[in-house]
Amino acid sequence: MRTSCVCLVLGLVLLVAWTSEAQPQAPAIPEKCCFNFIDFPIPRNRIVSAVQTSIDCPVKAYLVTTHKGEFCVQPDAPWLKKVL
């Protein structure tokens, strides 16, 4: 009798803990961040878009998209300032 009561209480505690909505939320993770940068200019006519990376990224950068792919560019690149 005592063992079944302990099992019942333990089962109820586990059920309440499993269905609890007080679970920790994970921090927002940005989709794309830049860590390696190109050191050459991209011609303006080849650029499809240039978007600043998320403020959640550890390094500020621009993600420049061309028809051949995406490139990370430092925001203080002189040629990028002319393009933007």
PDB file of N, CA and C in Angstrom:
ATOM      1  N   MET A   1       0.827  -1.188   0.000  1.00  0.00           N
ATOM      2  CA  MET A   1       0.000   0.000   0.000  1.00  0.00           C
ATOM      3  C   MET A   1       0.874   1.255   0.000  1.00  0.00           C
ATOM      4  N   ARG A   2       1.886   1.276   0.882  1.00  0.00           N
ATOM      5  CA  ARG A   2       2.758   2.440   0.982  1.00  0.00           C
ATOM      6  C   ARG A   2       3.559   2.635  -0.297  1.00  0.00           C
ATOM      7  N   THR A   3       4.018   1.569  -0.917  1.00  0.00           N
ATOM      8  CA  THR A   3       4.791   1.643  -2.153  1.00  0.00           C
ATOM      9  C   THR A   3       3.939   2.186  -3.292  1.00  0.00           C
ATOM     10  N   SER A   4       2.706   1.772  -3.380  1.00  0.00           N
ATOM     11  CA  SER A   4       1.845   2.258  -4.452  1.00  0.00           C
ATOM     12  C   SER A   4       1.534   3.743  -4.284  1.00  0.00           C
ATOM     13  N   CYS A   5       1.410   4.233  -3.051  1.00  0.00           N
ATOM     14  CA  CYS A   5       1.187   5.667  -2.809  1.00  0.00           C
ATOM     15  C   CYS A   5       2.409   6.474  -3.239  1.00  0.00           C
ATOM     16  N   VAL A   6       3.592   5.978  -2.917  1.00  0.00           N
ATOM     17  CA  VAL A   6       4.829   6.664  -3.296  1.00  0.00           C
ATOM     18  C   VAL A   6       4.947   6.705  -4.818  1.00  0.00           C
ATOM     19  N   CYS A   7       4.649   5.622  -5.483  1.00  0.00           N
ATOM     20  CA  CYS A   7       4.701   5.570  -6.947  1.00  0.00           C
ATOM     21  C   CYS A   7       3.677   6.518  -7.568  1.00  0.00           C
ATOM     22  N   LEU A   8       2.488   6.578  -6.984  1.00  0.00           N
ATOM     23  CA  LEU A   8       1.449   7.468  -7.483  1.00  0.00           C
ATOM     24  C   LEU A   8       1.868   8.929  -7.335  1.00  0.00           C
ATOM     25  N   VAL A   9       2.396   9.304  -6.182  1.00  0.00           N
ATOM     26  CA  VAL A   9       2.851  10.686  -5.955  1.00  0.00           C
ATOM     27  C   VAL A   9       4.008  11.019  -6.891  1.00  0.00           C
ATOM     28  N   LEU A  10       4.965  10.125  -7.018  1.00  0.00           N
ATOM     29  CA  LEU A  10       6.095  10.343  -7.906  1.00  0.00           C
ATOM     30  C   LEU A  10       5.628  10.494  -9.351  1.00  0.00           C
ATOM     31  N   GLY A  11       4.692   9.669  -9.768  1.00  0.00           N
ATOM     32  CA  GLY A  11       4.149   9.766 -11.119  1.00  0.00           C
ATOM     33  C   GLY A  11       3.442  11.095 -11.355  1.00  0.00           C
ATOM     34  N   LEU A  12       2.684  11.569 -10.385  1.00  0.00           N
ATOM     35  CA  LEU A  12       1.998  12.852 -10.517  1.00  0.00           C
ATOM     36  C   LEU A  12       2.988  14.013 -10.581  1.00  0.00           C
ATOM     37  N   VAL A  13       4.036  13.948  -9.761  1.00  0.00           N
ATOM     38  CA  VAL A  13       5.055  14.998  -9.790  1.00  0.00           C
ATOM     39  C   VAL A  13       5.747  15.026 -11.149  1.00  0.00           C
ATOM     40  N   LEU A  14       6.080  13.884 -11.678  1.00  0.00           N
ATOM     41  CA  LEU A  14       6.716  13.818 -12.997  1.00  0.00           C
ATOM     42  C   LEU A  14       5.778  14.327 -14.086  1.00  0.00           C
ATOM     43  N   LEU A  15       4.504  14.001 -13.994  1.00  0.00           N
ATOM     44  CA  LEU A  15       3.525  14.469 -14.977  1.00  0.00           C
ATOM     45  C   LEU A  15       3.397  15.989 -14.941  1.00  0.00           C
ATOM     46  N   VAL A  16       3.346  16.558 -13.757  1.00  0.00           N
ATOM     47  CA  VAL A  16       3.240  18.016 -13.629  1.00  0.00           C
ATOM     48  C   VAL A  16       4.507  18.687 -14.156  1.00  0.00           C
ATOM     49  N   ALA A  17       5.663  18.134 -13.849  1.00  0.00           N
ATOM     50  CA  ALA A  17       6.923  18.715 -14.321  1.00  0.00           C
ATOM     51  C   ALA A  17       7.033  18.618 -15.837  1.00  0.00           C
ATOM     52  N   TRP A  18       6.563  17.538 -16.418  1.00  0.00           N
ATOM     53  CA  TRP A  18       6.661  17.329 -17.862  1.00  0.00           C
ATOM     54  C   TRP A  18       5.728  18.256 -18.622  1.00  0.00           C
ATOM     55  N   THR A  19       4.545  18.528 -18.070  1.00  0.00           N
ATOM     56  CA  THR A  19       3.579  19.365 -18.768  1.00  0.00           C
ATOM     57  C   THR A  19       3.663  20.834 -18.370  1.00  0.00           C
ATOM     58  N   SER A  20       4.608  21.193 -17.544  1.00  0.00           N
ATOM     59  CA  SER A  20       4.737  22.577 -17.082  1.00  0.00           C
ATOM     60  C   SER A  20       5.117  23.492 -18.237  1.00  0.00           C
ATOM     61  N   GLU A  21       4.530  24.688 -18.257  1.00  0.00           N
ATOM     62  CA  GLU A  21       4.854  25.672 -19.291  1.00  0.00           C
ATOM     63  C   GLU A  21       5.981  26.593 -18.855  1.00  0.00           C
ATOM     64  N   ALA A  22       6.523  26.398 -17.705  1.00  0.00           N
ATOM     65  CA  ALA A  22       7.588  27.248 -17.185  1.00  0.00           C
ATOM     66  C   ALA A  22       8.949  26.716 -17.605  1.00  0.00           C
ATOM     67  N   GLN A  23       9.105  26.442 -18.874  1.00  0.00           N
ATOM     68  CA  GLN A  23      10.373  25.943 -19.380  1.00  0.00           C
ATOM     69  C   GLN A  23      11.185  27.118 -19.915  1.00  0.00           C
ATOM     70  N   PRO A  24      12.508  27.053 -19.812  1.00  0.00           N
ATOM     71  CA  PRO A  24      13.330  28.176 -20.270  1.00  0.00           C
ATOM     72  C   PRO A  24      13.236  28.358 -21.786  1.00  0.00           C
ATOM     73  N   GLN A  25      13.260  29.607 -22.221  1.00  0.00           N
ATOM     74  CA  GLN A  25      13.232  29.940 -23.637  1.00  0.00           C
ATOM     75  C   GLN A  25      14.664  30.133 -24.118  1.00  0.00           C
ATOM     76  N   ALA A  26      14.969  29.628 -25.288  1.00  0.00           N
ATOM     77  CA  ALA A  26      16.291  29.811 -25.867  1.00  0.00           C
ATOM     78  C   ALA A  26      16.395  31.227 -26.432  1.00  0.00           C
ATOM     79  N   PRO A  27      17.572  31.849 -26.352  1.00  0.00           N
ATOM     80  CA  PRO A  27      17.725  33.191 -26.922  1.00  0.00           C
ATOM     81  C   PRO A  27      17.617  33.140 -28.443  1.00  0.00           C
ATOM     82  N   ALA A  28      17.233  34.260 -29.023  1.00  0.00           N
ATOM     83  CA  ALA A  28      17.098  34.329 -30.483  1.00  0.00           C
ATOM     84  C   ALA A  28      18.467  34.149 -31.127  1.00  0.00           C
ATOM     85  N   ILE A  29      18.521  33.310 -32.124  1.00  0.00           N
ATOM     86  CA  ILE A  29      19.761  33.062 -32.854  1.00  0.00           C
ATOM     87  C   ILE A  29      19.606  33.636 -34.255  1.00  0.00           C
ATOM     88  N   PRO A  30      20.492  34.558 -34.631  1.00  0.00           N
ATOM     89  CA  PRO A  30      20.370  35.132 -35.971  1.00  0.00           C
ATOM     90  C   PRO A  30      20.628  34.090 -37.046  1.00  0.00           C
ATOM     91  N   GLU A  31      19.978  34.292 -38.189  1.00  0.00           N
ATOM     92  CA  GLU A  31      20.137  33.323 -39.284  1.00  0.00           C
ATOM     93  C   GLU A  31      21.539  33.343 -39.868  1.00  0.00           C
ATOM     94  N   LYS A  32      22.059  34.553 -40.153  1.00  0.00           N
ATOM     95  CA  LYS A  32      23.366  34.636 -40.791  1.00  0.00           C
ATOM     96  C   LYS A  32      24.218  35.700 -40.119  1.00  0.00           C
ATOM     97  N   CYS A  33      25.404  35.299 -39.717  1.00  0.00           N
ATOM     98  CA  CYS A  33      26.398  36.217 -39.170  1.00  0.00           C
ATOM     99  C   CYS A  33      27.684  36.050 -39.975  1.00  0.00           C
ATOM    100  N   CYS A  34      28.510  37.085 -39.972  1.00  0.00           N
ATOM    101  CA  CYS A  34      29.760  37.048 -40.723  1.00  0.00           C
ATOM    102  C   CYS A  34      30.952  36.957 -39.777  1.00  0.00           C
ATOM    103  N   PHE A  35      31.901  36.112 -40.137  1.00  0.00           N
ATOM    104  CA  PHE A  35      33.125  35.971 -39.364  1.00  0.00           C
ATOM    105  C   PHE A  35      34.361  36.102 -40.254  1.00  0.00           C
ATOM    106  N   ASN A  36      34.208  35.825 -41.543  1.00  0.00           N
ATOM    107  CA  ASN A  36      35.288  35.978 -42.520  1.00  0.00           C
ATOM    108  C   ASN A  36      34.822  36.985 -43.564  1.00  0.00           C
ATOM    109  N   PHE A  37      35.717  37.892 -43.946  1.00  0.00           N
ATOM    110  CA  PHE A  37      35.342  38.969 -44.844  1.00  0.00           C
ATOM    111  C   PHE A  37      36.186  38.945 -46.106  1.00  0.00           C
ATOM    112  N   ILE A  38      35.573  39.397 -47.207  1.00  0.00           N
ATOM    113  CA  ILE A  38      36.331  39.515 -48.452  1.00  0.00           C
ATOM    114  C   ILE A  38      37.138  40.806 -48.389  1.00  0.00           C
ATOM    115  N   ASP A  39      38.238  40.847 -49.143  1.00  0.00           N
ATOM    116  CA  ASP A  39      39.081  42.042 -49.155  1.00  0.00           C
ATOM    117  C   ASP A  39      39.185  42.637 -50.556  1.00  0.00           C
ATOM    118  N   PHE A  40      38.202  42.350 -51.404  1.00  0.00           N
ATOM    119  CA  PHE A  40      38.193  42.903 -52.756  1.00  0.00           C
ATOM    120  C   PHE A  40      36.833  43.542 -53.027  1.00  0.00           C
ATOM    121  N   PRO A  41      36.800  44.571 -53.856  1.00  0.00           N
ATOM    122  CA  PRO A  41      35.517  45.215 -54.157  1.00  0.00           C
ATOM    123  C   PRO A  41      34.695  44.392 -55.146  1.00  0.00           C
ATOM    124  N   ILE A  42      33.397  44.490 -55.006  1.00  0.00           N
ATOM    125  CA  ILE A  42      32.474  43.845 -55.945  1.00  0.00           C
ATOM    126  C   ILE A  42      31.890  44.952 -56.816  1.00  0.00           C
ATOM    127  N   PRO A  43      31.935  44.798 -58.133  1.00  0.00           N
ATOM    128  CA  PRO A  43      31.366  45.827 -59.004  1.00  0.00           C
ATOM    129  C   PRO A  43      29.877  46.043 -58.721  1.00  0.00           C
ATOM    130  N   ARG A  44      29.452  47.285 -58.792  1.00  0.00           N
ATOM    131  CA  ARG A  44      28.073  47.655 -58.473  1.00  0.00           C
ATOM    132  C   ARG A  44      27.063  46.894 -59.329  1.00  0.00           C
ATOM    133  N   ASN A  45      27.375  46.675 -60.595  1.00  0.00           N
ATOM    134  CA  ASN A  45      26.415  46.000 -61.486  1.00  0.00           C
ATOM    135  C   ASN A  45      26.256  44.506 -61.168  1.00  0.00           C
ATOM    136  N   ARG A  46      27.123  43.952 -60.331  1.00  0.00           N
ATOM    137  CA  ARG A  46      27.023  42.535 -59.951  1.00  0.00           C
ATOM    138  C   ARG A  46      26.241  42.329 -58.650  1.00  0.00           C
ATOM    139  N   ILE A  47      26.011  43.407 -57.905  1.00  0.00           N
ATOM    140  CA  ILE A  47      25.351  43.299 -56.597  1.00  0.00           C
ATOM    141  C   ILE A  47      23.844  43.238 -56.768  1.00  0.00           C
ATOM    142  N   VAL A  48      23.253  42.190 -56.215  1.00  0.00           N
ATOM    143  CA  VAL A  48      21.796  42.030 -56.219  1.00  0.00           C
ATOM    144  C   VAL A  48      21.201  42.722 -54.993  1.00  0.00           C
ATOM    145  N   SER A  49      21.834  42.522 -53.819  1.00  0.00           N
ATOM    146  CA  SER A  49      21.373  43.168 -52.597  1.00  0.00           C
ATOM    147  C   SER A  49      22.524  43.258 -51.606  1.00  0.00           C
ATOM    148  N   ALA A  50      22.382  44.204 -50.689  1.00  0.00           N
ATOM    149  CA  ALA A  50      23.343  44.366 -49.598  1.00  0.00           C
ATOM    150  C   ALA A  50      22.536  44.630 -48.331  1.00  0.00           C
ATOM    151  N   VAL A  51      22.642  43.720 -47.366  1.00  0.00           N
ATOM    152  CA  VAL A  51      21.837  43.793 -46.154  1.00  0.00           C
ATOM    153  C   VAL A  51      22.755  43.731 -44.941  1.00  0.00           C
ATOM    154  N   GLN A  52      22.466  44.587 -43.960  1.00  0.00           N
ATOM    155  CA  GLN A  52      23.242  44.560 -42.726  1.00  0.00           C
ATOM    156  C   GLN A  52      22.850  43.324 -41.927  1.00  0.00           C
ATOM    157  N   THR A  53      23.838  42.690 -41.305  1.00  0.00           N
ATOM    158  CA  THR A  53      23.554  41.502 -40.497  1.00  0.00           C
ATOM    159  C   THR A  53      22.802  41.909 -39.242  1.00  0.00           C
ATOM    160  N   SER A  54      22.243  40.942 -38.564  1.00  0.00           N
ATOM    161  CA  SER A  54      21.431  41.169 -37.378  1.00  0.00           C
ATOM    162  C   SER A  54      22.242  41.818 -36.258  1.00  0.00           C
ATOM    163  N   ILE A  55      21.567  42.594 -35.421  1.00  0.00           N
ATOM    164  CA  ILE A  55      22.256  43.204 -34.279  1.00  0.00           C
ATOM    165  C   ILE A  55      22.641  42.156 -33.238  1.00  0.00           C
ATOM    166  N   ASP A  56      22.095  40.941 -33.363  1.00  0.00           N
ATOM    167  CA  ASP A  56      22.450  39.852 -32.449  1.00  0.00           C
ATOM    168  C   ASP A  56      23.771  39.189 -32.824  1.00  0.00           C
ATOM    169  N   CYS A  57      24.301  39.499 -33.998  1.00  0.00           N
ATOM    170  CA  CYS A  57      25.587  38.936 -34.417  1.00  0.00           C
ATOM    171  C   CYS A  57      26.712  39.617 -33.634  1.00  0.00           C
ATOM    172  N   PRO A  58      27.781  38.887 -33.325  1.00  0.00           N
ATOM    173  CA  PRO A  58      28.870  39.476 -32.552  1.00  0.00           C
ATOM    174  C   PRO A  58      29.683  40.520 -33.316  1.00  0.00           C
ATOM    175  N   VAL A  59      29.670  40.466 -34.660  1.00  0.00           N
ATOM    176  CA  VAL A  59      30.449  41.392 -35.482  1.00  0.00           C
ATOM    177  C   VAL A  59      29.505  42.076 -36.466  1.00  0.00           C
ATOM    178  N   LYS A  60      29.605  43.396 -36.566  1.00  0.00           N
ATOM    179  CA  LYS A  60      28.793  44.125 -37.548  1.00  0.00           C
ATOM    180  C   LYS A  60      29.353  43.874 -38.932  1.00  0.00           C
ATOM    181  N   ALA A  61      28.460  43.660 -39.894  1.00  0.00           N
ATOM    182  CA  ALA A  61      28.891  43.387 -41.263  1.00  0.00           C
ATOM    183  C   ALA A  61      27.717  43.585 -42.210  1.00  0.00           C
ATOM    184  N   TYR A  62      28.029  43.558 -43.504  1.00  0.00           N
ATOM    185  CA  TYR A  62      27.013  43.565 -44.543  1.00  0.00           C
ATOM    186  C   TYR A  62      27.120  42.262 -45.315  1.00  0.00           C
ATOM    187  N   LEU A  63      25.976  41.714 -45.640  1.00  0.00           N
ATOM    188  CA  LEU A  63      25.912  40.498 -46.441  1.00  0.00           C
ATOM    189  C   LEU A  63      25.533  40.928 -47.850  1.00  0.00           C
ATOM    190  N   VAL A  64      26.505  40.860 -48.744  1.00  0.00           N
ATOM    191  CA  VAL A  64      26.315  41.300 -50.123  1.00  0.00           C
ATOM    192  C   VAL A  64      26.015  40.072 -50.977  1.00  0.00           C
ATOM    193  N   THR A  65      24.892  40.129 -51.685  1.00  0.00           N
ATOM    194  CA  THR A  65      24.470  39.011 -52.522  1.00  0.00           C
ATOM    195  C   THR A  65      24.688  39.353 -53.987  1.00  0.00           C
ATOM    196  N   THR A  66      25.310  38.418 -54.716  1.00  0.00           N
ATOM    197  CA  THR A  66      25.470  38.526 -56.161  1.00  0.00           C
ATOM    198  C   THR A  66      24.829  37.293 -56.782  1.00  0.00           C
ATOM    199  N   HIS A  67      24.865  37.212 -58.094  1.00  0.00           N
ATOM    200  CA  HIS A  67      24.313  36.022 -58.760  1.00  0.00           C
ATOM    201  C   HIS A  67      25.160  34.779 -58.482  1.00  0.00           C
ATOM    202  N   LYS A  68      26.394  34.970 -58.049  1.00  0.00           N
ATOM    203  CA  LYS A  68      27.282  33.832 -57.781  1.00  0.00           C
ATOM    204  C   LYS A  68      27.326  33.423 -56.313  1.00  0.00           C
ATOM    205  N   GLY A  69      26.680  34.201 -55.428  1.00  0.00           N
ATOM    206  CA  GLY A  69      26.690  33.821 -54.026  1.00  0.00           C
ATOM    207  C   GLY A  69      26.635  35.009 -53.090  1.00  0.00           C
ATOM    208  N   GLU A  70      26.886  34.726 -51.808  1.00  0.00           N
ATOM    209  CA  GLU A  70      26.857  35.746 -50.770  1.00  0.00           C
ATOM    210  C   GLU A  70      28.257  35.978 -50.225  1.00  0.00           C
ATOM    211  N   PHE A  71      28.552  37.244 -49.927  1.00  0.00           N
ATOM    212  CA  PHE A  71      29.865  37.615 -49.434  1.00  0.00           C
ATOM    213  C   PHE A  71      29.705  38.518 -48.220  1.00  0.00           C
ATOM    214  N   CYS A  72      30.570  38.325 -47.243  1.00  0.00           N
ATOM    215  CA  CYS A  72      30.574  39.175 -46.058  1.00  0.00           C
ATOM    216  C   CYS A  72      31.556  40.314 -46.271  1.00  0.00           C
ATOM    217  N   VAL A  73      31.067  41.533 -45.987  1.00  0.00           N
ATOM    218  CA  VAL A  73      31.883  42.726 -46.186  1.00  0.00           C
ATOM    219  C   VAL A  73      31.864  43.541 -44.901  1.00  0.00           C
ATOM    220  N   GLN A  74      33.021  44.062 -44.532  1.00  0.00           N
ATOM    221  CA  GLN A  74      33.087  44.917 -43.356  1.00  0.00           C
ATOM    222  C   GLN A  74      32.368  46.233 -43.648  1.00  0.00           C
ATOM    223  N   PRO A  75      31.641  46.756 -42.672  1.00  0.00           N
ATOM    224  CA  PRO A  75      30.840  47.957 -42.913  1.00  0.00           C
ATOM    225  C   PRO A  75      31.654  49.209 -43.221  1.00  0.00           C
ATOM    226  N   ASP A  76      32.942  49.214 -42.891  1.00  0.00           N
ATOM    227  CA  ASP A  76      33.765  50.386 -43.169  1.00  0.00           C
ATOM    228  C   ASP A  76      34.559  50.268 -44.464  1.00  0.00           C
ATOM    229  N   ALA A  77      34.233  49.287 -45.310  1.00  0.00           N
ATOM    230  CA  ALA A  77      34.907  49.141 -46.589  1.00  0.00           C
ATOM    231  C   ALA A  77      34.566  50.355 -47.478  1.00  0.00           C
ATOM    232  N   PRO A  78      35.573  51.047 -48.005  1.00  0.00           N
ATOM    233  CA  PRO A  78      35.305  52.266 -48.773  1.00  0.00           C
ATOM    234  C   PRO A  78      34.406  52.052 -49.991  1.00  0.00           C
ATOM    235  N   TRP A  79      34.598  50.961 -50.685  1.00  0.00           N
ATOM    236  CA  TRP A  79      33.805  50.716 -51.892  1.00  0.00           C
ATOM    237  C   TRP A  79      32.346  50.429 -51.539  1.00  0.00           C
ATOM    238  N   LEU A  80      32.102  49.827 -50.385  1.00  0.00           N
ATOM    239  CA  LEU A  80      30.733  49.515 -49.967  1.00  0.00           C
ATOM    240  C   LEU A  80      29.966  50.796 -49.674  1.00  0.00           C
ATOM    241  N   LYS A  81      30.620  51.766 -49.085  1.00  0.00           N
ATOM    242  CA  LYS A  81      29.969  53.053 -48.789  1.00  0.00           C
ATOM    243  C   LYS A  81      29.513  53.730 -50.071  1.00  0.00           C
ATOM    244  N   LYS A  82      30.283  53.595 -51.140  1.00  0.00           N
ATOM    245  CA  LYS A  82      29.895  54.187 -52.423  1.00  0.00           C
ATOM    246  C   LYS A  82      28.706  53.473 -53.032  1.00  0.00           C
ATOM    247  N   VAL A  83      28.644  52.157 -52.848  1.00  0.00           N
ATOM    248  CA  VAL A  83      27.555  51.353 -53.409  1.00  0.00           C
ATOM    249  C   VAL A  83      26.257  51.612 -52.667  1.00  0.00           C
ATOM    250  N   LEU A  84      26.338  51.737 -51.339  1.00  0.00           N
ATOM    251  CA  LEU A  84      25.139  51.945 -50.544  1.00  0.00           C
ATOM    252  C   LEU A  84      24.635  53.357 -50.721  1.00  0.00           C
TER     253      LEU A  84
END
